């Protein structure tokens, strides 16, 4: 059986604040994201999930991290993007009981370590590859192969 494909989105505003949401179930703070639907591109899934979960519309969406979680059967691509209009963020959505723009320091207090690492990588300039077992990172390496970047772009 193959890995299930998912996306995570790290959106920032012009002040460098990051969008986070508090899931209704399980009740925890996370980055927006979810599963890639059949026939959907990675890029389009990131745009859809951001709109559904936090009401975000972004531009300059770029893949920044590819994570493999073999224990949970997941292959996840984290995208970063700039919010086009932060005032359009939802206050809450069907999936999130609360949506906020937070500083990196605030994110450290709110989100799980696995998501915090994604926030920090989102400010990087290259694609990263991560292998993890649940919340424990086993390997984290920068990817210098331009071909790998093209797999997850629009």
C-alpha atoms as a PDB file:
ATOM      1  CA  UNK A   1       0.000   0.000   0.000  1.00  0.00           C
ATOM      2  CA  UNK A   2       1.336   3.454  -0.937  1.00  0.00           C
ATOM      3  CA  UNK A   3       1.685   6.541   1.183  1.00  0.00           C
ATOM      4  CA  UNK A   4      -1.289   8.897   1.528  1.00  0.00           C
ATOM      5  CA  UNK A   5      -0.498  12.341   0.119  1.00  0.00           C
ATOM      6  CA  UNK A   6      -1.072  15.437   2.231  1.00  0.00           C
ATOM      7  CA  UNK A   7      -0.151  19.121   2.266  1.00  0.00           C
ATOM      8  CA  UNK A   8       0.599  21.667   4.961  1.00  0.00           C
ATOM      9  CA  UNK A   9       0.631  25.422   4.371  1.00  0.00           C
ATOM     10  CA  UNK A  10       2.799  28.025   6.049  1.00  0.00           C
ATOM     11  CA  UNK A  11       1.458  31.447   5.141  1.00  0.00           C
ATOM     12  CA  UNK A  12       3.015  34.689   6.306  1.00  0.00           C
ATOM     13  CA  UNK A  13       1.978  38.305   6.122  1.00  0.00           C
ATOM     14  CA  UNK A  14       4.265  41.259   5.368  1.00  0.00           C
ATOM     15  CA  UNK A  15       5.222  41.422   9.069  1.00  0.00           C
ATOM     16  CA  UNK A  16       6.370  37.778   9.060  1.00  0.00           C
ATOM     17  CA  UNK A  17       3.492  36.487  11.166  1.00  0.00           C
ATOM     18  CA  UNK A  18       2.282  32.943  10.447  1.00  0.00           C
ATOM     19  CA  UNK A  19      -1.290  31.660  10.053  1.00  0.00           C
ATOM     20  CA  UNK A  20      -2.265  28.953  12.562  1.00  0.00           C
ATOM     21  CA  UNK A  21      -5.607  27.384  13.376  1.00  0.00           C
ATOM     22  CA  UNK A  22      -7.003  25.512  16.365  1.00  0.00           C
ATOM     23  CA  UNK A  23      -8.575  22.302  15.105  1.00  0.00           C
ATOM     24  CA  UNK A  24     -11.992  21.381  16.372  1.00  0.00           C
ATOM     25  CA  UNK A  25     -10.907  17.714  16.534  1.00  0.00           C
ATOM     26  CA  UNK A  26      -8.376  16.907  17.769  1.00  0.00           C
ATOM     27  CA  UNK A  27      -8.244  20.172  19.735  1.00  0.00           C
ATOM     28  CA  UNK A  28      -4.755  21.436  18.941  1.00  0.00           C
ATOM     29  CA  UNK A  29      -3.073  24.304  17.112  1.00  0.00           C
ATOM     30  CA  UNK A  30      -1.782  23.424  13.653  1.00  0.00           C
ATOM     31  CA  UNK A  31      -0.904  24.828  10.297  1.00  0.00           C
ATOM     32  CA  UNK A  32      -3.645  24.594   7.673  1.00  0.00           C
ATOM     33  CA  UNK A  33      -3.486  21.449   5.569  1.00  0.00           C
ATOM     34  CA  UNK A  34      -5.011  18.124   4.700  1.00  0.00           C
ATOM     35  CA  UNK A  35      -5.127  15.304   2.181  1.00  0.00           C
ATOM     36  CA  UNK A  36      -4.623  15.625  -1.556  1.00  0.00           C
ATOM     37  CA  UNK A  37      -7.756  14.497  -3.379  1.00  0.00           C
ATOM     38  CA  UNK A  38      -7.694  12.018  -6.269  1.00  0.00           C
ATOM     39  CA  UNK A  39      -6.705  13.826  -9.491  1.00  0.00           C
ATOM     40  CA  UNK A  40      -5.667  16.974  -7.592  1.00  0.00           C
ATOM     41  CA  UNK A  41      -2.159  18.457  -7.856  1.00  0.00           C
ATOM     42  CA  UNK A  42      -0.121  19.082  -4.719  1.00  0.00           C
ATOM     43  CA  UNK A  43      -0.221  22.821  -5.414  1.00  0.00           C
ATOM     44  CA  UNK A  44      -4.001  22.936  -5.898  1.00  0.00           C
ATOM     45  CA  UNK A  45      -4.518  20.878  -2.737  1.00  0.00           C
ATOM     46  CA  UNK A  46      -2.503  23.438  -0.764  1.00  0.00           C
ATOM     47  CA  UNK A  47      -4.597  26.298  -2.163  1.00  0.00           C
ATOM     48  CA  UNK A  48      -7.860  24.439  -1.455  1.00  0.00           C
ATOM     49  CA  UNK A  49      -6.933  23.429   2.091  1.00  0.00           C
ATOM     50  CA  UNK A  50      -5.810  26.960   2.962  1.00  0.00           C
ATOM     51  CA  UNK A  51      -9.074  28.412   1.699  1.00  0.00           C
ATOM     52  CA  UNK A  52     -11.213  25.766   3.452  1.00  0.00           C
ATOM     53  CA  UNK A  53      -9.433  25.786   6.791  1.00  0.00           C
ATOM     54  CA  UNK A  54      -8.449  29.408   7.358  1.00  0.00           C
ATOM     55  CA  UNK A  55      -9.940  31.412   4.485  1.00  0.00           C
ATOM     56  CA  UNK A  56      -6.439  32.195   3.192  1.00  0.00           C
ATOM     57  CA  UNK A  57      -5.640  33.258  -0.341  1.00  0.00           C
ATOM     58  CA  UNK A  58      -1.956  33.369  -1.078  1.00  0.00           C
ATOM     59  CA  UNK A  59       0.479  33.996  -3.880  1.00  0.00           C
ATOM     60  CA  UNK A  60       4.028  32.812  -4.540  1.00  0.00           C
ATOM     61  CA  UNK A  61       3.203  29.354  -3.203  1.00  0.00           C
ATOM     62  CA  UNK A  62       6.423  27.297  -3.107  1.00  0.00           C
ATOM     63  CA  UNK A  63       7.201  23.796  -1.844  1.00  0.00           C
ATOM     64  CA  UNK A  64       9.593  24.036   1.107  1.00  0.00           C
ATOM     65  CA  UNK A  65       9.565  20.649   2.830  1.00  0.00           C
ATOM     66  CA  UNK A  66       8.786  17.070   1.841  1.00  0.00           C
ATOM     67  CA  UNK A  67       8.080  14.848   4.868  1.00  0.00           C
ATOM     68  CA  UNK A  68       7.738  11.084   4.951  1.00  0.00           C
ATOM     69  CA  UNK A  69       6.028   9.563   7.985  1.00  0.00           C
ATOM     70  CA  UNK A  70       6.282   5.827   7.341  1.00  0.00           C
ATOM     71  CA  UNK A  71       4.661   4.964  10.697  1.00  0.00           C
ATOM     72  CA  UNK A  72       1.470   6.763   9.695  1.00  0.00           C
ATOM     73  CA  UNK A  73       1.786   6.129   5.941  1.00  0.00           C
ATOM     74  CA  UNK A  74       2.020   9.821   4.970  1.00  0.00           C
ATOM     75  CA  UNK A  75       3.903  11.776   2.337  1.00  0.00           C
ATOM     76  CA  UNK A  76       3.387  15.470   3.102  1.00  0.00           C
ATOM     77  CA  UNK A  77       4.560  18.563   1.223  1.00  0.00           C
ATOM     78  CA  UNK A  78       4.711  21.828   3.144  1.00  0.00           C
ATOM     79  CA  UNK A  79       4.241  24.974   1.072  1.00  0.00           C
ATOM     80  CA  UNK A  80       5.015  28.528   1.997  1.00  0.00           C
ATOM     81  CA  UNK A  81       3.236  31.527   0.621  1.00  0.00           C
ATOM     82  CA  UNK A  82       2.519  35.176   1.221  1.00  0.00           C
ATOM     83  CA  UNK A  83      -1.025  36.141   2.178  1.00  0.00           C
ATOM     84  CA  UNK A  84      -2.637  38.376  -0.422  1.00  0.00           C
ATOM     85  CA  UNK A  85      -4.948  40.028   2.113  1.00  0.00           C
ATOM     86  CA  UNK A  86      -4.626  39.053   5.790  1.00  0.00           C
ATOM     87  CA  UNK A  87      -7.894  40.829   6.618  1.00  0.00           C
ATOM     88  CA  UNK A  88      -9.713  38.093   4.648  1.00  0.00           C
ATOM     89  CA  UNK A  89      -8.639  35.353   7.078  1.00  0.00           C
ATOM     90  CA  UNK A  90     -11.578  33.613   8.683  1.00  0.00           C
ATOM     91  CA  UNK A  91     -12.035  33.918  12.443  1.00  0.00           C
ATOM     92  CA  UNK A  92     -13.215  30.316  12.482  1.00  0.00           C
ATOM     93  CA  UNK A  93     -14.146  27.672   9.920  1.00  0.00           C
ATOM     94  CA  UNK A  94     -15.841  24.283   9.808  1.00  0.00           C
ATOM     95  CA  UNK A  95     -12.517  22.620  10.736  1.00  0.00           C
ATOM     96  CA  UNK A  96     -10.893  25.344  12.862  1.00  0.00           C
ATOM     97  CA  UNK A  97     -12.476  26.818  15.996  1.00  0.00           C
ATOM     98  CA  UNK A  98     -10.057  29.753  15.859  1.00  0.00           C
ATOM     99  CA  UNK A  99      -7.659  31.203  13.279  1.00  0.00           C
ATOM    100  CA  UNK A 100      -4.798  33.554  14.174  1.00  0.00           C
ATOM    101  CA  UNK A 101      -1.801  35.344  12.718  1.00  0.00           C
ATOM    102  CA  UNK A 102       1.031  34.775  15.213  1.00  0.00           C
ATOM    103  CA  UNK A 103       4.718  35.563  15.547  1.00  0.00           C
ATOM    104  CA  UNK A 104       7.247  32.732  15.467  1.00  0.00           C
ATOM    105  CA  UNK A 105       7.599  33.107  19.251  1.00  0.00           C
ATOM    106  CA  UNK A 106       3.836  32.725  19.693  1.00  0.00           C
ATOM    107  CA  UNK A 107       3.874  29.713  17.345  1.00  0.00           C
ATOM    108  CA  UNK A 108       6.490  28.079  19.587  1.00  0.00           C
ATOM    109  CA  UNK A 109       4.023  28.212  22.477  1.00  0.00           C
ATOM    110  CA  UNK A 110       0.992  27.096  20.464  1.00  0.00           C
ATOM    111  CA  UNK A 111       1.847  24.468  17.868  1.00  0.00           C
ATOM    112  CA  UNK A 112       3.245  20.956  18.212  1.00  0.00           C
ATOM    113  CA  UNK A 113       7.008  20.609  17.588  1.00  0.00           C
ATOM    114  CA  UNK A 114       6.460  18.863  14.233  1.00  0.00           C
ATOM    115  CA  UNK A 115       4.590  21.940  12.964  1.00  0.00           C
ATOM    116  CA  UNK A 116       6.992  24.406  14.556  1.00  0.00           C
ATOM    117  CA  UNK A 117       9.810  22.870  12.552  1.00  0.00           C
ATOM    118  CA  UNK A 118       7.755  23.501   9.403  1.00  0.00           C
ATOM    119  CA  UNK A 119       7.257  27.139  10.386  1.00  0.00           C
ATOM    120  CA  UNK A 120      11.020  27.603  10.762  1.00  0.00           C
ATOM    121  CA  UNK A 121      11.769  25.861   7.461  1.00  0.00           C
ATOM    122  CA  UNK A 122       9.243  28.067   5.694  1.00  0.00           C
ATOM    123  CA  UNK A 123      11.620  30.995   5.990  1.00  0.00           C
ATOM    124  CA  UNK A 124      14.408  28.971   4.370  1.00  0.00           C
ATOM    125  CA  UNK A 125      15.418  29.383   0.734  1.00  0.00           C
ATOM    126  CA  UNK A 126      15.505  25.779  -0.389  1.00  0.00           C
ATOM    127  CA  UNK A 127      13.404  22.635  -0.379  1.00  0.00           C
ATOM    128  CA  UNK A 128      14.006  20.275   2.565  1.00  0.00           C
ATOM    129  CA  UNK A 129      13.416  16.527   2.874  1.00  0.00           C
ATOM    130  CA  UNK A 130      12.341  15.155   6.262  1.00  0.00           C
ATOM    131  CA  UNK A 131      11.936  11.558   7.405  1.00  0.00           C
ATOM    132  CA  UNK A 132      10.081  11.215  10.681  1.00  0.00           C
ATOM    133  CA  UNK A 133       8.322   8.699  12.865  1.00  0.00           C
ATOM    134  CA  UNK A 134       5.267  10.469  14.225  1.00  0.00           C
ATOM    135  CA  UNK A 135       6.653  13.581  15.941  1.00  0.00           C
ATOM    136  CA  UNK A 136      10.265  12.333  16.074  1.00  0.00           C
ATOM    137  CA  UNK A 137      12.484  13.584  13.233  1.00  0.00           C
ATOM    138  CA  UNK A 138      14.845  10.879  11.982  1.00  0.00           C
ATOM    139  CA  UNK A 139      16.489  12.876   9.185  1.00  0.00           C
ATOM    140  CA  UNK A 140      16.276  16.442   7.868  1.00  0.00           C
ATOM    141  CA  UNK A 141      18.320  17.378   4.798  1.00  0.00           C
ATOM    142  CA  UNK A 142      18.265  20.199   2.233  1.00  0.00           C
ATOM    143  CA  UNK A 143      17.380  19.038  -1.273  1.00  0.00           C
ATOM    144  CA  UNK A 144      19.649  20.400  -3.984  1.00  0.00           C
ATOM    145  CA  UNK A 145      18.059  18.482  -6.860  1.00  0.00           C
ATOM    146  CA  UNK A 146      16.023  20.942  -8.978  1.00  0.00           C
ATOM    147  CA  UNK A 147      14.053  18.009 -10.433  1.00  0.00           C
ATOM    148  CA  UNK A 148      12.610  17.256  -6.996  1.00  0.00           C
ATOM    149  CA  UNK A 149      11.372  20.856  -6.719  1.00  0.00           C
ATOM    150  CA  UNK A 150       9.455  20.550  -9.967  1.00  0.00           C
ATOM    151  CA  UNK A 151       7.451  17.557  -8.687  1.00  0.00           C
ATOM    152  CA  UNK A 152       5.490  19.736  -6.275  1.00  0.00           C
ATOM    153  CA  UNK A 153       5.162  23.029  -8.124  1.00  0.00           C
ATOM    154  CA  UNK A 154       2.033  24.007 -10.062  1.00  0.00           C
END
